[in-house]
Every structure is written in C-alpha cells, then in structure tokens.
Amino acid sequence: RGRRRAGAAGLDSLTAEQAKEIQRIDKDRKRIARTDRLVTDMFEAAKSRKLYSTARVMADPPADFMIGADLMRYIPADVMGSVDQQS
C-alpha cells in the first residue's frame, strides 16, 4: 500500500524515467553542495584578508587617520613627554 522506497533492490523496478529523475536530483544536490563549499571558502578567504589588512592598518596607520583627535592616539608617550618639555 504506500510508496516503496528505492533501495538497492528497488532500483531494478524503477522505470527509466524515474532513474533519470533520481540521477538528475543527485546531480543537482552535488552541484549545490559544490557551490556552497565554494561560496564558504571565498567568504572565509575574504574575511581573513579583511582581518589581515585591518591588523596592518592598526600597526601602521595611514596619515589621514592622524588628523584631529585621533592624532594623540598614535603618538608614543615618550615623544609626547619631550614635546611638552620643549614648549
């Protein structure tokens, strides 16, 4: 009564159309899995590049970061002490 599952023995009783449909579905699932792995790998690579570039900027900030209030953040304390003594 109900539908039979296509197990190893059940594949023989499938029609050619049903077998093609199963193969098509398996092919689509594999394609989707490959695409998912590719997108995940690309995202991880982009994330690691972003973290690497952020770390480099923090280690050696560009000059445009040193304008205004941010200037004090990048000047070492010993340099600030010598500047205060000269004025």
C-alpha atoms as a PDB file:
ATOM      1  CA  ARG A   1       0.000   0.000   0.000  1.00  0.00           C
ATOM      2  CA  GLY A   2       2.002   3.250   0.013  1.00  0.00           C
ATOM      3  CA  ARG A   3       5.090   4.150  -1.853  1.00  0.00           C
ATOM      4  CA  ARG A   4       8.064   1.870  -1.922  1.00  0.00           C
ATOM      5  CA  ARG A   5      11.453   3.305  -1.225  1.00  0.00           C
ATOM      6  CA  ALA A   6      14.044   2.893  -3.914  1.00  0.00           C
ATOM      7  CA  GLY A   7      16.672   0.817  -2.158  1.00  0.00           C
ATOM      8  CA  ALA A   8      19.324  -1.305  -3.827  1.00  0.00           C
ATOM      9  CA  ALA A   9      16.745  -3.894  -4.834  1.00  0.00           C
ATOM     10  CA  GLY A  10      14.171  -1.254  -5.676  1.00  0.00           C
ATOM     11  CA  LEU A  11      16.339   0.402  -8.337  1.00  0.00           C
ATOM     12  CA  ASP A  12      15.749  -2.507 -10.683  1.00  0.00           C
ATOM     13  CA  SER A  13      11.995  -1.965 -10.605  1.00  0.00           C
ATOM     14  CA  LEU A  14      12.237   1.760 -11.423  1.00  0.00           C
ATOM     15  CA  THR A  15      11.336   2.932 -14.852  1.00  0.00           C
ATOM     16  CA  ALA A  16      13.957   4.625 -16.988  1.00  0.00           C
ATOM     17  CA  GLU A  17      12.279   7.997 -16.385  1.00  0.00           C
ATOM     18  CA  GLN A  18      12.343   7.539 -12.628  1.00  0.00           C
ATOM     19  CA  ALA A  19      16.008   6.524 -12.696  1.00  0.00           C
ATOM     20  CA  LYS A  20      16.862   9.605 -14.787  1.00  0.00           C
ATOM     21  CA  GLU A  21      14.933  11.803 -12.377  1.00  0.00           C
ATOM     22  CA  ILE A  22      16.842  10.356  -9.403  1.00  0.00           C
ATOM     23  CA  GLN A  23      20.149  10.912 -11.208  1.00  0.00           C
ATOM     24  CA  ARG A  24      19.146  14.498 -12.026  1.00  0.00           C
ATOM     25  CA  ILE A  25      18.232  15.181  -8.399  1.00  0.00           C
ATOM     26  CA  ASP A  26      21.547  13.709  -7.184  1.00  0.00           C
ATOM     27  CA  LYS A  27      23.449  15.803  -9.737  1.00  0.00           C
ATOM     28  CA  ASP A  28      21.617  18.958  -8.591  1.00  0.00           C
ATOM     29  CA  ARG A  29      22.368  18.201  -4.943  1.00  0.00           C
ATOM     30  CA  LYS A  30      26.064  17.707  -5.699  1.00  0.00           C
ATOM     31  CA  ARG A  31      26.167  20.941  -7.718  1.00  0.00           C
ATOM     32  CA  ILE A  32      24.515  22.853  -4.884  1.00  0.00           C
ATOM     33  CA  ALA A  33      26.957  21.353  -2.372  1.00  0.00           C
ATOM     34  CA  ARG A  34      29.943  22.345  -4.579  1.00  0.00           C
ATOM     35  CA  THR A  35      28.589  25.887  -4.916  1.00  0.00           C
ATOM     36  CA  ASP A  36      28.030  26.082  -1.168  1.00  0.00           C
ATOM     37  CA  ARG A  37      31.614  24.958  -0.463  1.00  0.00           C
ATOM     38  CA  LEU A  38      32.960  27.456  -2.996  1.00  0.00           C
ATOM     39  CA  VAL A  39      30.996  30.367  -1.522  1.00  0.00           C
ATOM     40  CA  THR A  40      32.008  29.369   2.012  1.00  0.00           C
ATOM     41  CA  ASP A  41      35.681  29.173   1.010  1.00  0.00           C
ATOM     42  CA  MET A  42      35.502  32.538  -0.756  1.00  0.00           C
ATOM     43  CA  PHE A  43      33.852  34.127   2.294  1.00  0.00           C
ATOM     44  CA  GLU A  44      36.477  32.723   4.647  1.00  0.00           C
ATOM     45  CA  ALA A  45      39.289  33.962   2.386  1.00  0.00           C
ATOM     46  CA  ALA A  46      37.744  37.438   2.188  1.00  0.00           C
ATOM     47  CA  LYS A  47      37.284  37.516   5.955  1.00  0.00           C
ATOM     48  CA  SER A  48      40.897  36.548   6.590  1.00  0.00           C
ATOM     49  CA  ARG A  49      42.124  39.181   4.088  1.00  0.00           C
ATOM     50  CA  LYS A  50      39.985  41.804   5.840  1.00  0.00           C
ATOM     51  CA  LEU A  51      41.342  40.843   9.266  1.00  0.00           C
ATOM     52  CA  TYR A  52      44.915  40.875   7.937  1.00  0.00           C
ATOM     53  CA  SER A  53      44.523  44.310   6.340  1.00  0.00           C
ATOM     54  CA  THR A  54      42.840  45.691   9.463  1.00  0.00           C
ATOM     55  CA  ALA A  55      45.741  44.446  11.588  1.00  0.00           C
ATOM     56  CA  ARG A  56      48.237  46.078   9.212  1.00  0.00           C
ATOM     57  CA  VAL A  57      46.393  49.411   9.312  1.00  0.00           C
ATOM     58  CA  MET A  58      46.277  49.304  13.094  1.00  0.00           C
ATOM     59  CA  ALA A  59      50.012  48.554  13.231  1.00  0.00           C
ATOM     60  CA  ASP A  60      50.916  51.396  10.845  1.00  0.00           C
ATOM     61  CA  PRO A  61      48.015  53.828  10.454  1.00  0.00           C
ATOM     62  CA  PRO A  62      47.810  55.984   7.340  1.00  0.00           C
ATOM     63  CA  ALA A  63      48.392  59.733   7.712  1.00  0.00           C
ATOM     64  CA  ASP A  64      44.723  60.598   7.207  1.00  0.00           C
ATOM     65  CA  PHE A  65      43.932  58.776  10.461  1.00  0.00           C
ATOM     66  CA  MET A  66      46.205  61.193  12.305  1.00  0.00           C
ATOM     67  CA  ILE A  67      44.057  64.270  11.848  1.00  0.00           C
ATOM     68  CA  GLY A  68      42.291  65.844  14.798  1.00  0.00           C
ATOM     69  CA  ALA A  69      41.548  63.962  17.989  1.00  0.00           C
ATOM     70  CA  ASP A  70      42.985  60.684  16.656  1.00  0.00           C
ATOM     71  CA  LEU A  71      46.462  62.259  16.472  1.00  0.00           C
ATOM     72  CA  MET A  72      47.093  61.737  20.185  1.00  0.00           C
ATOM     73  CA  ARG A  73      46.259  58.062  19.943  1.00  0.00           C
ATOM     74  CA  TYR A  74      49.222  57.291  17.662  1.00  0.00           C
ATOM     75  CA  ILE A  75      51.947  59.375  19.329  1.00  0.00           C
ATOM     76  CA  PRO A  76      54.029  57.375  21.806  1.00  0.00           C
ATOM     77  CA  ALA A  77      54.035  58.666  25.387  1.00  0.00           C
ATOM     78  CA  ASP A  78      57.804  59.283  25.493  1.00  0.00           C
ATOM     79  CA  VAL A  79      57.564  61.511  22.406  1.00  0.00           C
ATOM     80  CA  MET A  80      54.693  63.445  23.972  1.00  0.00           C
ATOM     81  CA  GLY A  81      56.798  63.998  27.100  1.00  0.00           C
ATOM     82  CA  SER A  82      59.627  65.538  25.080  1.00  0.00           C
ATOM     83  CA  VAL A  83      57.201  67.765  23.168  1.00  0.00           C
ATOM     84  CA  ASP A  84      55.710  69.052  26.432  1.00  0.00           C
ATOM     85  CA  GLN A  85      59.184  69.862  27.816  1.00  0.00           C
ATOM     86  CA  GLN A  86      60.140  71.877  24.726  1.00  0.00           C
ATOM     87  CA  SER A  87      57.106  74.150  24.897  1.00  0.00           C
END
